[in-house]
Amino acid sequence: MFDHFRYRTLLDTFERTEKMMRLDVYNYLNKQLRHLIQTKSKKNRKLIDMLTANKIKWHKFRGLEEIEAIPISKTQYADSTHNPLKYRKPVMAAALQRVLSWHRCSEKKIIWITPNRTKIQESGFTRNCKVIPYPQDFDTIIKILRRNSKYVLVARPAILAQLAFHINKYKIAPPKPSLLIAFNHDITIGAETLLKKTFNVPIVRLLTDTHYGSLIATCQYDYYHLFEPIAIQEVVNERGLPVTSGRGTLVSTPLHTSKPTLLRFDTEIEVIPNQNAVCPCGLSYRTIDNLSYVSRPTLKSVDNQDLLIPLPEELHPNIVGVNYEQSYAGEVLITVKENEIGSLNPNDYKEWFHNYWKLDIRIILLIDNRSTFLGDRGLSNYQIKTT
């Protein structure tokens, strides 16, 4: 839909003027994006057909406001001739650079610990970058990190937390990155506390969408910001209506691809919009309070009712990782990994879960503080076996 050169020029203008940190600059550029959509829509047959299908007259198309009339999709737009990474790469690289600049780390080396070396290289994260393959022995990873200085350490939250857990358990002197970037996936309060205690450096959350680039990142003041110049970001309820308070699902409409169709993509990330907050960093991107992936399973209670599994930010603050296993309705085995080892006993955690679920389920709880996490999905690993 967009002329890529025009959009890049607009983005460059945004980055130059954003330093002024004024809301009127953002509003002006937002109007320019709206004008660009209007201009291109009149010349784009496929876009006109799409608008017609949604009962929108192309000559009355108002731009960003009309996006709300387009159905929300959970299907990522890709086909045999469309490589989403081609458009994702410059956006991802720009987002990472923005995060580094927020924390005064623009000139520092980036070290990744990841099982997806090829994907990282294809996603625009190649500038001044070193990749450490995972999984491998944490002692080896620590030796590699110690050979480097003035670097930013990037990995999934679960990998970072496992590294910190290993360092604390075996009383190893920690490596000294300048910044930690917890890349995608949920993170528990206990894991974040463990990382801060172990490394004593700022921690950034950076969330991305598989096909369309960065969605959310934290600034130097730990506010979650939506990346709005590259996409229209909406927070909607289960009926698709805008949410102004309370939890909602983040819907993203990418603006940097060359596909002619507007796509309102359901990211399946749950957020709480923060309408009135003004971030101390001066950035005009909207802020949100809390976030988590909404696709979470349920457990069966004693009376066979569905019980929602706690979100990572809702868990007991001493829980770093958790695993749930249910063989039949009414009873669940919960395995937890701790931040402060030995500070609580299993009954303390059982009481917490009982209070969360209103005593509707029998709990068998195990504290397992071995050096690796259970499962491979993230800090909150769901391995539900229901018969």
Protein backbone atom coordinates (compact mmCIF):
# COMPACT_ATOMS: atom_id res chain seq x y z
CA MET A 1 0.00 0.00 0.00
CA PHE A 2 2.81 2.35 0.79
CA ASP A 3 5.52 3.70 -1.39
CA HIS A 4 8.45 2.42 0.67
CA PHE A 5 10.70 5.40 -0.15
CA ARG A 6 8.05 7.90 0.96
CA TYR A 7 7.52 6.05 4.20
CA ARG A 8 11.25 5.83 4.95
CA THR A 9 11.55 9.57 4.32
CA LEU A 10 8.69 10.19 6.73
CA LEU A 11 10.28 7.90 9.33
CA ASP A 12 13.62 9.69 8.97
CA THR A 13 11.83 12.99 9.52
CA PHE A 14 10.17 11.56 12.60
CA GLU A 15 13.47 10.40 14.10
CA ARG A 16 15.10 13.79 13.53
CA THR A 17 12.27 15.79 14.98
CA GLU A 18 11.37 13.42 17.79
CA LYS A 19 14.34 14.75 19.74
CA MET A 20 12.23 17.84 20.35
CA MET A 21 10.04 15.57 22.54
CA ARG A 22 6.85 17.50 21.82
CA LEU A 23 3.39 16.01 21.36
CA ASP A 24 2.54 18.41 18.52
CA VAL A 25 5.38 16.90 16.45
CA TYR A 26 3.87 13.45 16.79
CA ASN A 27 0.39 14.75 15.95
CA TYR A 28 1.73 16.47 12.83
CA LEU A 29 3.43 13.30 11.58
CA ASN A 30 0.34 11.25 12.34
CA LYS A 31 -1.61 13.56 10.01
CA GLN A 32 1.05 13.04 7.35
CA LEU A 33 0.60 9.26 7.62
CA ARG A 34 -3.15 9.71 7.27
CA HIS A 35 -2.64 11.83 4.15
CA LEU A 36 -0.31 9.19 2.70
CA ILE A 37 -2.92 6.47 3.22
CA GLN A 38 -5.56 8.59 1.54
CA THR A 39 -3.34 9.41 -1.43
CA LYS A 40 -2.29 5.81 -2.06
CA SER A 41 -5.79 4.40 -1.55
CA LYS A 42 -7.16 6.27 -4.60
CA LYS A 43 -4.59 4.59 -6.86
CA ASN A 44 -4.77 1.09 -5.41
CA ARG A 45 -7.37 -1.23 -6.94
CA LYS A 46 -6.93 -3.97 -4.34
CA LEU A 47 -7.27 -1.53 -1.48
CA ILE A 48 -10.42 -0.07 -3.05
CA ASP A 49 -11.86 -3.59 -3.39
CA MET A 50 -11.06 -4.29 0.25
CA LEU A 51 -12.74 -1.08 1.36
CA THR A 52 -15.77 -1.90 -0.79
CA ALA A 53 -15.99 -5.35 0.77
CA ASN A 54 -16.15 -3.67 4.17
CA LYS A 55 -18.81 -1.22 2.90
CA ILE A 56 -16.43 1.74 2.97
CA LYS A 57 -16.64 4.10 -0.01
CA TRP A 58 -13.11 4.74 -1.25
CA HIS A 59 -13.77 8.41 -2.05
CA LYS A 60 -14.85 8.92 1.59
CA PHE A 61 -11.95 6.93 3.02
CA ARG A 62 -10.63 8.99 5.93
CA GLY A 63 -7.46 7.06 6.62
CA LEU A 64 -6.60 5.78 10.07
CA GLU A 65 -10.11 6.11 11.48
CA GLU A 66 -11.54 3.68 8.93
CA ILE A 67 -9.20 0.91 10.00
CA GLU A 68 -11.62 0.11 12.81
CA ALA A 69 -14.14 -1.10 10.21
CA ILE A 70 -11.80 -3.87 9.01
CA PRO A 71 -12.17 -7.29 10.70
CA ILE A 72 -9.49 -8.41 13.17
CA SER A 73 -7.49 -11.41 11.95
CA LYS A 74 -5.31 -13.96 13.73
CA THR A 75 -3.75 -15.03 10.42
CA GLN A 76 -0.41 -13.49 9.53
CA TYR A 77 -0.38 -12.21 5.96
CA ALA A 78 2.20 -14.14 3.95
CA ASP A 79 2.27 -16.08 0.69
CA SER A 80 4.81 -17.63 -1.69
CA THR A 81 5.80 -14.24 -3.11
CA HIS A 82 5.80 -12.30 0.13
CA ASN A 83 8.74 -12.55 2.52
CA PRO A 84 7.69 -10.71 5.68
CA LEU A 85 11.26 -10.63 6.98
CA LYS A 86 12.17 -8.37 4.06
CA TYR A 87 9.99 -5.63 5.56
CA ARG A 88 10.51 -6.64 9.17
CA LYS A 89 14.30 -6.35 8.99
CA PRO A 90 14.73 -2.54 8.73
CA VAL A 91 11.98 -1.97 11.27
CA MET A 92 13.48 -4.40 13.78
CA ALA A 93 16.94 -2.90 13.34
CA ALA A 94 15.54 0.61 13.87
CA ALA A 95 13.62 -0.49 16.97
CA LEU A 96 16.68 -2.10 18.51
CA GLN A 97 18.70 1.02 17.80
CA ARG A 98 16.00 3.12 19.46
CA VAL A 99 16.13 0.94 22.59
CA LEU A 100 19.93 1.18 22.71
CA SER A 101 19.85 4.95 22.32
CA TRP A 102 17.34 5.27 25.19
CA HIS A 103 19.91 3.61 27.44
CA ARG A 104 23.03 5.26 25.97
CA CYS A 105 24.33 1.97 24.57
CA SER A 106 24.27 2.77 20.84
CA GLU A 107 27.97 2.09 20.31
CA LYS A 108 28.19 -1.10 22.38
CA LYS A 109 28.41 -4.66 21.11
CA ILE A 110 25.26 -6.78 21.23
CA ILE A 111 25.61 -10.38 22.44
CA TRP A 112 22.68 -12.74 21.87
CA ILE A 113 22.07 -16.02 23.68
CA THR A 114 19.57 -17.76 21.43
CA PRO A 115 18.54 -21.10 19.90
CA ASN A 116 17.52 -19.23 16.69
CA ARG A 117 20.79 -17.89 15.28
CA THR A 118 19.55 -17.76 11.67
CA LYS A 119 16.29 -16.03 12.58
CA ILE A 120 18.13 -13.38 14.58
CA GLN A 121 20.46 -12.69 11.66
CA GLU A 122 17.51 -12.41 9.26
CA SER A 123 15.64 -10.03 11.53
CA GLY A 124 17.89 -6.98 11.34
CA PHE A 125 19.83 -7.62 14.56
CA THR A 126 23.23 -8.01 12.90
CA ARG A 127 24.95 -4.70 13.63
CA ASN A 128 28.01 -5.18 15.87
CA CYS A 129 26.50 -8.47 16.99
CA LYS A 130 27.76 -11.77 18.43
CA VAL A 131 25.55 -14.86 18.80
CA ILE A 132 26.08 -17.49 21.51
CA PRO A 133 24.19 -20.71 20.63
CA TYR A 134 21.75 -22.11 23.18
CA PRO A 135 21.31 -24.59 24.81
CA GLN A 136 24.82 -25.22 26.08
CA ASP A 137 26.59 -25.35 29.43
CA PHE A 138 26.10 -22.11 31.39
CA ASP A 139 29.71 -22.17 32.64
CA THR A 140 30.85 -22.03 29.00
CA ILE A 141 28.46 -19.14 28.30
CA ILE A 142 29.79 -17.23 31.31
CA LYS A 143 33.41 -17.70 30.13
CA ILE A 144 32.49 -16.31 26.69
CA LEU A 145 30.76 -13.30 28.27
CA ARG A 146 33.75 -12.56 30.50
CA ARG A 147 35.98 -12.23 27.45
CA ASN A 148 33.88 -9.25 26.35
CA SER A 149 33.43 -5.77 27.79
CA LYS A 150 31.02 -2.91 27.14
CA TYR A 151 28.29 -5.07 25.68
CA VAL A 152 24.50 -5.46 25.80
CA LEU A 153 23.19 -8.94 26.63
CA VAL A 154 20.01 -10.02 24.82
CA ALA A 155 18.02 -13.26 25.26
CA ARG A 156 14.59 -14.58 26.10
CA PRO A 157 13.60 -13.89 29.71
CA ALA A 158 13.71 -17.61 30.54
CA ILE A 159 17.31 -17.94 29.30
CA LEU A 160 18.43 -14.84 31.19
CA ALA A 161 16.72 -16.06 34.35
CA GLN A 162 18.29 -19.52 34.05
CA LEU A 163 21.71 -17.88 33.67
CA ALA A 164 21.11 -15.71 36.75
CA PHE A 165 19.82 -18.71 38.70
CA HIS A 166 22.95 -20.71 37.81
CA ILE A 167 25.21 -17.83 38.89
CA ASN A 168 23.47 -17.46 42.26
CA LYS A 169 23.18 -21.18 42.99
CA TYR A 170 26.88 -21.87 42.42
CA LYS A 171 28.05 -18.48 43.76
CA ILE A 172 29.83 -17.53 40.51
CA ALA A 173 31.03 -13.99 39.89
CA PRO A 174 28.53 -12.63 37.33
CA PRO A 175 29.52 -11.20 33.93
CA LYS A 176 29.17 -7.43 33.58
CA PRO A 177 26.91 -6.35 30.70
CA SER A 178 25.91 -2.69 30.45
CA LEU A 179 22.27 -3.53 29.72
CA LEU A 180 19.96 -6.57 29.62
CA ILE A 181 17.28 -6.88 26.93
CA ALA A 182 14.64 -9.52 27.70
CA PHE A 183 13.43 -10.37 24.21
CA ASN A 184 9.82 -11.57 23.81
CA HIS A 185 7.93 -13.99 26.09
CA ASP A 186 6.50 -13.35 29.52
CA ILE A 187 8.61 -12.58 32.57
CA THR A 188 7.62 -13.09 36.20
CA ILE A 189 8.17 -10.58 38.98
CA GLY A 190 10.47 -13.09 40.68
CA ALA A 191 12.58 -13.50 37.54
CA GLU A 192 12.92 -9.74 37.06
CA THR A 193 13.96 -9.35 40.70
CA LEU A 194 16.53 -12.14 40.28
CA LEU A 195 18.01 -10.48 37.18
CA LYS A 196 18.30 -7.09 38.87
CA LYS A 197 19.94 -8.64 41.94
CA THR A 198 22.40 -10.68 39.86
CA PHE A 199 23.52 -8.19 37.20
CA ASN A 200 22.65 -4.82 38.80
CA VAL A 201 21.97 -3.18 35.40
CA PRO A 202 18.79 -1.85 33.71
CA ILE A 203 16.49 -4.44 32.13
CA VAL A 204 14.59 -3.65 28.90
CA ARG A 205 11.58 -5.57 27.62
CA LEU A 206 11.35 -5.75 23.81
CA LEU A 207 8.35 -7.52 22.29
CA THR A 208 8.01 -8.19 18.59
CA ASP A 209 5.52 -9.73 16.22
CA THR A 210 6.72 -12.67 14.12
CA HIS A 211 6.05 -10.98 10.79
CA TYR A 212 5.62 -7.27 11.28
CA GLY A 213 8.31 -6.02 13.62
CA SER A 214 8.49 -4.44 17.04
CA LEU A 215 5.40 -3.73 19.09
CA ILE A 216 6.41 -2.73 22.61
CA ALA A 217 9.59 -1.71 24.43
CA THR A 218 10.47 -0.18 27.78
CA CYS A 219 12.32 3.11 28.00
CA GLN A 220 14.93 4.10 30.59
CA TYR A 221 12.16 4.84 33.08
CA ASP A 222 10.63 1.33 32.74
CA TYR A 223 7.50 2.56 30.97
CA TYR A 224 6.08 0.27 28.29
CA HIS A 225 5.81 2.22 25.00
CA LEU A 226 3.92 1.16 21.87
CA PHE A 227 5.93 1.51 18.66
CA GLU A 228 3.40 3.65 16.82
CA PRO A 229 5.30 5.10 13.83
CA ILE A 230 5.49 1.62 12.21
CA ALA A 231 1.96 0.43 12.98
CA ILE A 232 -1.47 1.48 14.15
CA GLN A 233 -1.78 0.02 17.65
CA GLU A 234 -5.24 -0.58 19.12
CA VAL A 235 -6.35 -2.04 22.45
CA VAL A 236 -9.72 -3.77 22.10
CA ASN A 237 -12.02 -6.01 24.14
CA GLU A 238 -13.34 -9.43 23.11
CA ARG A 239 -16.00 -7.73 20.93
CA GLY A 240 -13.37 -5.70 19.09
CA LEU A 241 -14.36 -2.40 20.71
CA PRO A 242 -11.75 0.09 21.99
CA VAL A 243 -10.70 -0.30 25.62
CA THR A 244 -10.01 2.85 27.61
CA SER A 245 -9.56 1.24 31.03
CA GLY A 246 -8.86 -2.29 32.19
CA ARG A 247 -7.33 -5.12 30.18
CA GLY A 248 -7.60 -5.46 26.42
CA THR A 249 -5.93 -7.26 23.53
CA LEU A 250 -3.32 -5.44 21.43
CA VAL A 251 -4.23 -5.30 17.72
CA SER A 252 -1.54 -4.11 15.30
CA THR A 253 -2.00 -2.80 11.74
CA PRO A 254 1.47 -2.72 10.10
CA LEU A 255 2.31 0.29 7.94
CA HIS A 256 5.74 -0.72 6.64
CA THR A 257 4.90 -3.66 4.35
CA SER A 258 4.25 -3.38 0.62
CA LYS A 259 1.12 -5.54 0.73
CA PRO A 260 -1.90 -3.57 -0.50
CA THR A 261 -4.28 -4.98 2.13
CA LEU A 262 -4.67 -3.37 5.54
CA LEU A 263 -4.44 -6.07 8.19
CA ARG A 264 -5.63 -5.69 11.77
CA PHE A 265 -3.56 -8.45 13.33
CA ASP A 266 -4.47 -9.92 16.73
CA THR A 267 -1.13 -10.13 18.54
CA GLU A 268 -2.67 -12.15 21.41
CA ILE A 269 -0.88 -9.85 23.84
CA GLU A 270 -2.95 -8.57 26.75
CA VAL A 271 -2.25 -5.02 27.92
CA ILE A 272 -3.72 -2.31 30.13
CA PRO A 273 -3.82 1.06 28.32
CA ASN A 274 -2.48 4.03 30.25
CA GLN A 275 -4.40 7.00 28.89
CA ASN A 276 -3.12 9.80 31.10
CA ALA A 277 0.51 8.92 31.80
CA VAL A 278 3.22 11.26 30.55
CA CYS A 279 6.51 9.42 30.50
CA PRO A 280 9.50 11.24 32.04
CA CYS A 281 11.56 10.27 28.98
CA GLY A 282 9.48 12.73 26.91
CA LEU A 283 8.65 10.18 24.20
CA SER A 284 5.19 10.70 22.73
CA TYR A 285 4.47 7.01 22.04
CA ARG A 286 1.51 5.81 24.09
CA THR A 287 2.32 3.95 27.29
CA ILE A 288 0.67 0.85 28.73
CA ASP A 289 0.58 -0.75 32.16
CA ASN A 290 1.41 -4.47 32.34
CA LEU A 291 1.36 -6.95 29.49
CA SER A 292 1.17 -10.70 29.00
CA TYR A 293 0.35 -13.23 26.32
CA VAL A 294 -3.36 -14.02 26.53
CA SER A 295 -3.25 -17.55 25.07
CA ARG A 296 -3.04 -19.36 28.40
CA PRO A 297 -4.67 -22.69 29.25
CA THR A 298 -6.96 -23.43 32.16
CA LEU A 299 -7.10 -26.09 34.86
CA LYS A 300 -10.18 -28.07 35.88
CA SER A 301 -11.49 -27.48 39.40
CA VAL A 302 -13.08 -30.03 41.72
CA ASP A 303 -16.50 -29.25 40.20
CA ASN A 304 -15.00 -29.38 36.67
CA GLN A 305 -15.07 -25.59 36.21
CA ASP A 306 -12.29 -23.83 34.27
CA LEU A 307 -9.72 -22.09 36.45
CA LEU A 308 -7.51 -19.50 34.77
CA ILE A 309 -3.78 -19.96 35.31
CA PRO A 310 -2.25 -16.84 36.94
CA LEU A 311 -0.57 -14.35 34.63
CA PRO A 312 3.20 -13.95 35.19
CA GLU A 313 2.78 -10.51 36.78
CA GLU A 314 0.16 -11.95 39.16
CA LEU A 315 2.35 -14.75 40.54
CA HIS A 316 3.87 -14.78 44.00
CA PRO A 317 6.91 -12.43 43.82
CA ASN A 318 9.33 -15.18 44.89
CA ILE A 319 8.36 -17.46 41.99
CA VAL A 320 10.82 -17.31 39.08
CA GLY A 321 9.42 -20.21 37.03
CA VAL A 322 6.35 -22.41 37.34
CA ASN A 323 4.99 -25.58 35.74
CA TYR A 324 1.45 -26.99 36.00
CA GLU A 325 0.59 -30.65 35.38
CA GLN A 326 -2.94 -32.02 35.68
CA SER A 327 -3.77 -35.69 35.15
CA TYR A 328 -7.46 -35.41 36.10
CA ALA A 329 -9.93 -32.75 37.14
CA GLY A 330 -9.70 -31.45 40.68
CA GLU A 331 -5.99 -32.03 41.35
CA VAL A 332 -2.86 -30.36 39.98
CA LEU A 333 0.89 -30.79 40.48
CA ILE A 334 2.61 -27.37 40.57
CA THR A 335 6.39 -27.15 40.38
CA VAL A 336 8.00 -23.81 41.20
CA LYS A 337 11.49 -22.37 41.02
CA GLU A 338 12.39 -19.69 43.55
CA ASN A 339 14.18 -16.37 43.62
CA GLU A 340 15.19 -16.49 47.30
CA ILE A 341 15.88 -20.21 47.77
CA GLY A 342 14.57 -21.64 51.03
CA SER A 343 12.83 -18.46 52.19
CA LEU A 344 9.39 -20.13 51.93
CA ASN A 345 8.10 -23.67 52.27
CA PRO A 346 5.68 -25.50 49.93
CA ASN A 347 2.69 -24.73 52.16
CA ASP A 348 3.27 -20.97 51.71
CA TYR A 349 2.99 -21.33 47.93
CA LYS A 350 0.04 -23.73 48.25
CA GLU A 351 -1.80 -21.15 50.36
CA TRP A 352 -1.13 -18.49 47.72
CA PHE A 353 -2.53 -20.66 44.90
CA HIS A 354 -5.51 -21.69 47.04
CA ASN A 355 -6.33 -18.03 47.64
CA TYR A 356 -6.02 -17.30 43.92
CA TRP A 357 -8.39 -20.15 42.98
CA LYS A 358 -10.74 -19.86 46.00
CA LEU A 359 -9.94 -23.40 47.24
CA ASP A 360 -11.55 -25.03 44.18
CA ILE A 361 -8.70 -27.46 43.48
CA ARG A 362 -6.41 -29.87 45.34
CA ILE A 363 -2.76 -28.83 45.00
CA ILE A 364 0.39 -30.90 45.22
CA LEU A 365 3.33 -28.49 45.23
CA LEU A 366 6.99 -29.22 44.60
CA ILE A 367 9.89 -26.77 44.95
CA ASP A 368 12.50 -27.71 42.35
CA ASN A 369 15.57 -25.45 42.38
CA ARG A 370 17.76 -27.34 39.98
CA SER A 371 19.89 -25.31 37.55
CA THR A 372 17.53 -25.57 34.57
CA PHE A 373 13.88 -24.71 34.09
CA LEU A 374 11.18 -27.20 33.31
CA GLY A 375 9.84 -27.18 29.78
CA ASP A 376 11.01 -24.91 26.97
CA ARG A 377 8.20 -22.39 26.36
CA GLY A 378 9.16 -19.64 28.77
CA LEU A 379 9.20 -18.79 32.45
CA SER A 380 5.64 -19.99 32.93
CA ASN A 381 5.74 -23.39 31.24
CA TYR A 382 2.41 -25.09 30.68
CA GLN A 383 2.52 -28.85 30.35
CA ILE A 384 -1.10 -29.67 31.10
CA LYS A 385 -2.01 -33.34 30.79
CA THR A 386 -5.77 -33.57 31.26
CA THR A 387 -7.59 -36.86 30.84
